[in-house]
């Protein structure tokens, strides 16, 4: 159980993914551009490395980097979700409102966390039900010497 302390927006809060496999697509420079002054020329295209397809159907997805705290310290969580917006410019208010709220997170510890001490953990589920959260709530009291 953790409290969301902040949203790290330095790495962006959404990415474009392939609609078929949901993996992030790559921006590929378009080398077929003429030297002509064409206002409609496209400077890049997209490529899905998993499906091996150029210009796949795109699906914007949330990619939130959360900084969370609990009684033992702080950590970084990475949250993915399907998104129904097209190229938003700023973090929506609904996402900003996560800051200061406490949730129970189920996280996946991956190979990178062990081998490379990667300090961001991928979230697989969020519990918002107060009854479930209270089952995991541990009270931490300071030790007092008498």
Protein backbone atom coordinates (compact mmCIF):
# COMPACT_ATOMS: atom_id res chain seq x y z
CA UNK A 1 0.00 0.00 0.00
CA UNK A 2 1.48 3.32 -1.09
CA UNK A 3 0.57 6.96 -1.49
CA UNK A 4 1.19 8.64 -4.82
CA UNK A 5 3.64 11.45 -4.06
CA UNK A 6 4.12 12.74 -7.61
CA UNK A 7 3.82 12.01 -11.30
CA UNK A 8 7.18 12.16 -13.07
CA UNK A 9 6.25 13.74 -16.40
CA UNK A 10 9.85 14.19 -17.62
CA UNK A 11 9.59 10.94 -19.60
CA UNK A 12 6.15 11.75 -20.99
CA UNK A 13 2.85 10.36 -19.84
CA UNK A 14 1.70 8.53 -22.95
CA UNK A 15 3.18 6.72 -25.92
CA UNK A 16 1.92 5.43 -29.25
CA UNK A 17 1.62 1.67 -29.47
CA UNK A 18 0.65 -0.89 -32.08
CA UNK A 19 -3.07 -1.63 -31.93
CA UNK A 20 -2.43 -5.34 -32.62
CA UNK A 21 0.28 -6.19 -30.05
CA UNK A 22 0.14 -3.09 -27.76
CA UNK A 23 3.95 -2.64 -27.93
CA UNK A 24 5.50 0.79 -28.36
CA UNK A 25 6.09 1.76 -32.00
CA UNK A 26 9.29 3.36 -33.26
CA UNK A 27 9.55 6.69 -35.12
CA UNK A 28 11.34 6.05 -38.40
CA UNK A 29 12.65 8.94 -40.51
CA UNK A 30 11.06 9.10 -43.93
CA UNK A 31 13.92 9.08 -46.45
CA UNK A 32 11.62 9.47 -49.48
CA UNK A 33 11.22 13.22 -48.93
CA UNK A 34 12.04 15.34 -52.00
CA UNK A 35 13.90 18.60 -51.86
CA UNK A 36 10.74 20.28 -53.11
CA UNK A 37 8.87 22.65 -50.82
CA UNK A 38 5.88 20.34 -50.21
CA UNK A 39 3.74 21.36 -47.24
CA UNK A 40 2.10 17.92 -47.06
CA UNK A 41 5.29 15.83 -46.89
CA UNK A 42 5.52 13.52 -43.90
CA UNK A 43 8.84 13.66 -42.05
CA UNK A 44 8.59 10.24 -40.38
CA UNK A 45 6.60 7.03 -40.23
CA UNK A 46 6.03 4.39 -37.57
CA UNK A 47 7.30 0.82 -37.27
CA UNK A 48 6.23 -1.99 -34.93
CA UNK A 49 9.30 -4.13 -34.14
CA UNK A 50 7.21 -6.97 -32.71
CA UNK A 51 4.75 -7.31 -35.61
CA UNK A 52 7.42 -6.18 -38.12
CA UNK A 53 4.93 -3.84 -39.79
CA UNK A 54 5.45 -0.34 -41.17
CA UNK A 55 2.80 2.22 -40.29
CA UNK A 56 0.64 -0.03 -38.10
CA UNK A 57 -2.70 1.12 -36.70
CA UNK A 58 -1.82 3.21 -33.65
CA UNK A 59 -3.27 3.24 -30.17
CA UNK A 60 -2.28 5.95 -27.66
CA UNK A 61 -1.64 4.47 -24.18
CA UNK A 62 -1.02 5.98 -20.76
CA UNK A 63 2.51 5.50 -19.52
CA UNK A 64 2.61 7.02 -16.06
CA UNK A 65 5.77 7.16 -14.01
CA UNK A 66 4.55 7.45 -10.41
CA UNK A 67 6.68 8.26 -7.40
CA UNK A 68 5.10 6.51 -4.43
CA UNK A 69 5.85 6.49 -0.69
CA UNK A 70 5.01 4.26 2.23
CA UNK A 71 6.37 3.74 5.73
CA UNK A 72 9.52 2.04 4.39
CA UNK A 73 10.53 4.72 1.86
CA UNK A 74 9.84 5.71 -1.72
CA UNK A 75 9.86 3.93 -5.07
CA UNK A 76 8.95 4.43 -8.71
CA UNK A 77 6.07 2.61 -10.37
CA UNK A 78 5.31 2.44 -14.09
CA UNK A 79 1.66 2.25 -15.05
CA UNK A 80 0.29 1.40 -18.52
CA UNK A 81 -3.29 1.78 -19.68
CA UNK A 82 -5.21 2.11 -22.94
CA UNK A 83 -5.96 5.70 -23.82
CA UNK A 84 -8.80 7.17 -25.86
CA UNK A 85 -7.17 10.53 -26.61
CA UNK A 86 -5.11 11.64 -29.59
CA UNK A 87 -1.82 13.46 -28.95
CA UNK A 88 -2.73 15.35 -25.77
CA UNK A 89 -0.46 18.21 -24.85
CA UNK A 90 -0.48 18.10 -21.04
CA UNK A 91 -1.25 15.71 -18.21
CA UNK A 92 -5.04 15.75 -17.70
CA UNK A 93 -6.44 16.94 -14.37
CA UNK A 94 -7.84 13.46 -13.63
CA UNK A 95 -4.29 12.06 -13.66
CA UNK A 96 -2.90 14.94 -11.61
CA UNK A 97 -5.58 14.22 -9.00
CA UNK A 98 -3.88 10.88 -8.23
CA UNK A 99 -1.25 12.73 -6.22
CA UNK A 100 -1.85 12.44 -2.46
CA UNK A 101 -4.16 9.42 -2.71
CA UNK A 102 -3.36 6.00 -1.24
CA UNK A 103 -3.84 2.78 -3.19
CA UNK A 104 -2.84 -0.85 -2.94
CA UNK A 105 -0.58 -1.71 -5.89
CA UNK A 106 0.24 -5.15 -7.25
CA UNK A 107 3.62 -4.83 -8.96
CA UNK A 108 5.62 -7.12 -11.21
CA UNK A 109 9.30 -7.50 -10.38
CA UNK A 110 11.15 -8.11 -13.61
CA UNK A 111 14.60 -9.26 -14.63
CA UNK A 112 15.86 -5.66 -14.96
CA UNK A 113 15.00 -5.01 -11.31
CA UNK A 114 17.31 -7.84 -10.20
CA UNK A 115 20.14 -7.76 -12.73
CA UNK A 116 20.49 -4.03 -13.31
CA UNK A 117 18.99 -2.63 -10.08
CA UNK A 118 16.32 -0.90 -12.16
CA UNK A 119 14.31 1.03 -9.58
CA UNK A 120 11.00 1.31 -11.49
CA UNK A 121 8.43 -1.47 -11.04
CA UNK A 122 5.56 -2.17 -13.45
CA UNK A 123 2.10 -2.05 -11.89
CA UNK A 124 -0.22 -4.92 -12.86
CA UNK A 125 -3.24 -4.00 -10.73
CA UNK A 126 -4.50 -1.16 -8.54
CA UNK A 127 -6.91 -1.78 -5.66
CA UNK A 128 -9.08 1.18 -4.67
CA UNK A 129 -11.56 -0.64 -2.42
CA UNK A 130 -11.14 0.70 1.14
CA UNK A 131 -11.92 -2.69 2.73
CA UNK A 132 -9.18 -4.44 0.75
CA UNK A 133 -6.71 -1.62 1.41
CA UNK A 134 -7.44 -1.71 5.17
CA UNK A 135 -6.52 -5.43 5.26
CA UNK A 136 -2.99 -4.48 4.18
CA UNK A 137 -2.74 -1.31 6.24
CA UNK A 138 -0.05 -1.69 8.86
CA UNK A 139 0.31 0.92 11.52
CA UNK A 140 3.88 1.98 12.16
CA UNK A 141 4.50 3.45 15.56
CA UNK A 142 7.79 5.03 16.64
CA UNK A 143 9.82 3.00 19.10
CA UNK A 144 9.98 4.65 22.50
CA UNK A 145 12.56 3.67 25.05
CA UNK A 146 11.50 3.82 28.68
